[in-house]
Amino acid sequence: MDLTGYLQFVAALAAVLALILLLAWIARRSGLAGRLGAAAAPRRGARRLALIEVMPLDARRRLVLLRCDRREHLVLLGQGQGADLLLESRDAALEGGEA
């Protein structure tokens, strides 16, 4: 392949990338990207799983507090086969109240 062939290849690649960027910009400006993204991913308020806190215990183990729906789960994660352990599962305390 000579220099002309390489220049044609680079020009074609640049044209395709420019077309992709132009279409993405048009979709974003028209609001189409937001509607497509909302259908593909769950809404921000509708998430069921949240990572509340992580506390490293040592180099290999850590405690993880997870919330799923209205329950909190305290999990001990470690390295190795079968090292993960559910320590506690309870109803989540209300934001302003006592447990």
Protein backbone atom coordinates (compact mmCIF):
# COMPACT_ATOMS: atom_id res chain seq x y z
CA MET A 1 0.00 0.00 0.00
CA ASP A 2 1.40 3.40 -0.93
CA LEU A 3 1.02 6.80 0.73
CA THR A 4 -2.17 7.59 -1.17
CA GLY A 5 -3.85 4.46 0.18
CA TYR A 6 -2.92 5.35 3.76
CA LEU A 7 -4.22 8.89 3.33
CA GLN A 8 -7.52 7.58 1.93
CA PHE A 9 -7.83 5.22 4.90
CA VAL A 10 -7.18 8.02 7.42
CA ALA A 11 -9.59 10.35 5.62
CA ALA A 12 -12.34 7.70 5.58
CA LEU A 13 -11.79 6.94 9.27
CA ALA A 14 -11.94 10.65 10.15
CA ALA A 15 -15.15 11.04 8.13
CA VAL A 16 -16.84 8.12 9.90
CA LEU A 17 -15.82 9.39 13.35
CA ALA A 18 -17.05 12.89 12.48
CA LEU A 19 -20.38 11.45 11.35
CA ILE A 20 -20.77 9.49 14.59
CA LEU A 21 -20.00 12.58 16.67
CA LEU A 22 -22.42 14.68 14.60
CA LEU A 23 -25.24 12.16 15.07
CA ALA A 24 -24.56 11.96 18.82
CA TRP A 25 -24.64 15.76 19.06
CA ILE A 26 -27.94 15.92 17.14
CA ALA A 27 -29.46 13.21 19.36
CA ARG A 28 -28.37 15.04 22.51
CA ARG A 29 -29.67 18.43 21.28
CA SER A 30 -33.04 17.00 20.23
CA GLY A 31 -33.54 15.19 23.54
CA LEU A 32 -33.57 11.79 21.90
CA ALA A 33 -30.53 10.62 23.89
CA GLY A 34 -32.28 11.24 27.23
CA ARG A 35 -35.33 9.24 26.22
CA LEU A 36 -33.25 6.33 24.97
CA GLY A 37 -31.06 6.32 28.08
CA ALA A 38 -34.08 6.37 30.39
CA ALA A 39 -35.50 3.27 28.70
CA ALA A 40 -32.22 1.37 28.96
CA ALA A 41 -31.32 2.16 32.59
CA PRO A 42 -33.48 2.25 35.71
CA ARG A 43 -34.47 5.66 37.00
CA ARG A 44 -32.27 7.22 39.63
CA GLY A 45 -35.02 7.20 42.25
CA ALA A 46 -36.01 3.60 41.47
CA ARG A 47 -32.73 1.96 42.48
CA ARG A 48 -33.17 -0.88 44.92
CA LEU A 49 -29.55 -1.51 45.91
CA ALA A 50 -27.24 0.98 47.63
CA LEU A 51 -23.78 0.72 49.11
CA ILE A 52 -23.99 2.52 52.45
CA GLU A 53 -20.52 2.10 53.92
CA VAL A 54 -17.30 0.09 53.55
CA MET A 55 -14.85 -0.41 56.42
CA PRO A 56 -11.53 -2.16 55.78
CA LEU A 57 -10.56 -4.44 58.65
CA ASP A 58 -7.15 -5.53 57.38
CA ALA A 59 -5.40 -6.14 54.07
CA ARG A 60 -7.69 -9.03 53.14
CA ARG A 61 -11.07 -8.38 54.82
CA ARG A 62 -13.64 -5.61 54.88
CA LEU A 63 -17.11 -5.00 56.24
CA VAL A 64 -19.71 -3.80 53.76
CA LEU A 65 -23.10 -2.33 54.69
CA LEU A 66 -25.64 -2.71 51.86
CA ARG A 67 -29.25 -1.57 51.62
CA CYS A 68 -31.70 -3.47 49.44
CA ASP A 69 -35.24 -2.11 49.44
CA ARG A 70 -35.87 -1.46 53.17
CA ARG A 71 -33.40 -3.97 54.55
CA GLU A 72 -29.77 -3.49 55.51
CA HIS A 73 -27.22 -6.29 55.22
CA LEU A 74 -23.84 -6.33 56.94
CA VAL A 75 -21.45 -8.55 54.97
CA LEU A 76 -17.89 -9.58 55.78
CA LEU A 77 -15.91 -9.87 52.54
CA GLY A 78 -12.55 -11.59 52.38
CA GLN A 79 -10.19 -13.29 50.02
CA GLY A 80 -10.37 -16.97 49.34
CA GLN A 81 -13.02 -19.48 48.53
CA GLY A 82 -16.09 -19.24 50.78
CA ALA A 83 -14.70 -16.29 52.71
CA ASP A 84 -17.80 -14.05 52.32
CA LEU A 85 -20.19 -14.10 55.27
CA LEU A 86 -23.53 -12.40 55.97
CA LEU A 87 -23.26 -11.16 59.55
CA GLU A 88 -26.56 -9.36 60.01
CA SER A 89 -29.71 -8.53 58.08
CA ARG A 90 -32.35 -6.19 59.50
CA ASP A 91 -34.92 -3.59 58.57
CA ALA A 92 -33.27 -0.28 57.73
CA ALA A 93 -33.65 2.50 60.29
CA LEU A 94 -35.53 5.56 59.17
CA GLU A 95 -33.42 8.57 58.27
CA GLY A 96 -34.49 10.72 61.22
CA GLY A 97 -35.57 8.03 63.68
CA GLU A 98 -34.13 5.32 65.89
CA ALA A 99 -33.64 1.72 64.81
